[in-house]
Amino acid sequence: MRSSLNKAAFVLALRTSRHPGSVNRELNGVMGVDRRAEATKEQLREALAYVGDRLRALAAKSRARPTEQDAGPTFSGDPPF
């Protein structure tokens, strides 16, 4: 479970453009431990659920954001000046 959390933390760091160390500190705070090795299985599950929620929120946010292809042309015809 610890390796799954490590992988999820790395993916979260990549998706949020944050340093992996800052993501690890955040997760240690969520678990209430100084080092991940001190965490119980329940704390690891809680942190893994937290990371999963954050990644799902980021995915939903990126799906909701329109892309240039979705927006189409900004104007048609002559420019407004």
Protein backbone atom coordinates (compact mmCIF):
# COMPACT_ATOMS: atom_id res chain seq x y z
CA MET A 1 0.00 0.00 0.00
CA ARG A 2 2.91 2.32 0.72
CA SER A 3 4.26 1.89 -2.82
CA SER A 4 0.82 2.71 -4.25
CA LEU A 5 0.75 5.89 -2.20
CA ASN A 6 4.25 6.77 -3.39
CA LYS A 7 3.18 6.35 -7.02
CA ALA A 8 -0.02 8.34 -6.51
CA ALA A 9 1.92 11.13 -4.78
CA PHE A 10 4.34 11.26 -7.70
CA VAL A 11 1.48 11.50 -10.21
CA LEU A 12 -0.16 14.24 -8.13
CA ALA A 13 3.13 16.15 -8.08
CA LEU A 14 3.40 15.88 -11.87
CA ARG A 15 -0.19 16.92 -12.51
CA THR A 16 0.01 19.92 -10.17
CA SER A 17 3.56 20.93 -11.19
CA ARG A 18 4.64 20.75 -7.56
CA HIS A 19 7.83 19.40 -6.08
CA PRO A 20 7.34 15.79 -4.94
CA GLY A 21 8.71 16.69 -1.51
CA SER A 22 5.96 19.24 -0.92
CA VAL A 23 3.31 16.69 -1.90
CA ASN A 24 4.88 14.17 0.49
CA ARG A 25 4.84 16.73 3.32
CA GLU A 26 1.17 17.44 2.59
CA LEU A 27 0.34 13.73 2.70
CA ASN A 28 2.30 13.24 5.91
CA GLY A 29 0.21 16.04 7.38
CA VAL A 30 -2.98 14.32 6.22
CA MET A 31 -1.81 11.13 7.91
CA GLY A 32 -0.59 12.96 11.01
CA VAL A 33 2.93 11.49 10.91
CA ASP A 34 6.42 12.89 10.43
CA ARG A 35 7.58 10.03 8.22
CA ARG A 36 5.55 7.75 6.01
CA ALA A 37 7.22 4.70 7.56
CA GLU A 38 5.45 5.54 10.84
CA ALA A 39 1.98 5.43 9.26
CA THR A 40 -0.50 2.67 9.99
CA LYS A 41 -2.43 0.90 7.23
CA GLU A 42 -5.51 2.96 8.07
CA GLN A 43 -3.54 6.21 7.75
CA LEU A 44 -2.11 5.03 4.43
CA ARG A 45 -5.63 4.23 3.18
CA GLU A 46 -6.82 7.67 4.24
CA ALA A 47 -3.94 9.37 2.42
CA LEU A 48 -4.49 7.22 -0.68
CA ALA A 49 -8.16 8.20 -0.72
CA TYR A 50 -7.15 11.86 -0.34
CA VAL A 51 -4.77 11.64 -3.31
CA GLY A 52 -7.40 9.84 -5.37
CA ASP A 53 -9.93 12.57 -4.64
CA ARG A 54 -7.43 15.26 -5.62
CA LEU A 55 -6.55 13.48 -8.88
CA ARG A 56 -10.24 12.98 -9.75
CA ALA A 57 -10.91 16.67 -9.07
CA LEU A 58 -8.02 17.66 -11.33
CA ALA A 59 -9.28 15.35 -14.08
CA ALA A 60 -12.80 16.76 -13.83
CA LYS A 61 -11.43 20.29 -13.91
CA SER A 62 -9.40 19.59 -17.04
CA ARG A 63 -12.41 17.97 -18.76
CA ALA A 64 -14.57 20.99 -17.94
CA ARG A 65 -12.05 23.44 -19.38
CA PRO A 66 -12.78 24.07 -23.08
CA THR A 67 -9.92 23.61 -25.50
CA GLU A 68 -9.18 25.74 -28.55
CA GLN A 69 -10.68 23.08 -30.79
CA ASP A 70 -13.91 23.09 -28.80
CA ALA A 71 -14.16 26.88 -28.84
CA GLY A 72 -14.06 27.22 -32.61
CA PRO A 73 -13.14 30.45 -34.38
CA THR A 74 -13.27 33.63 -32.34
CA PHE A 75 -14.96 35.63 -35.08
CA SER A 76 -16.25 35.18 -38.56
CA GLY A 77 -16.11 37.68 -41.35
CA ASP A 78 -14.41 41.05 -41.10
CA PRO A 79 -12.52 42.14 -37.99
CA PRO A 80 -14.42 44.62 -35.77
CA PHE A 81 -12.20 47.62 -36.62
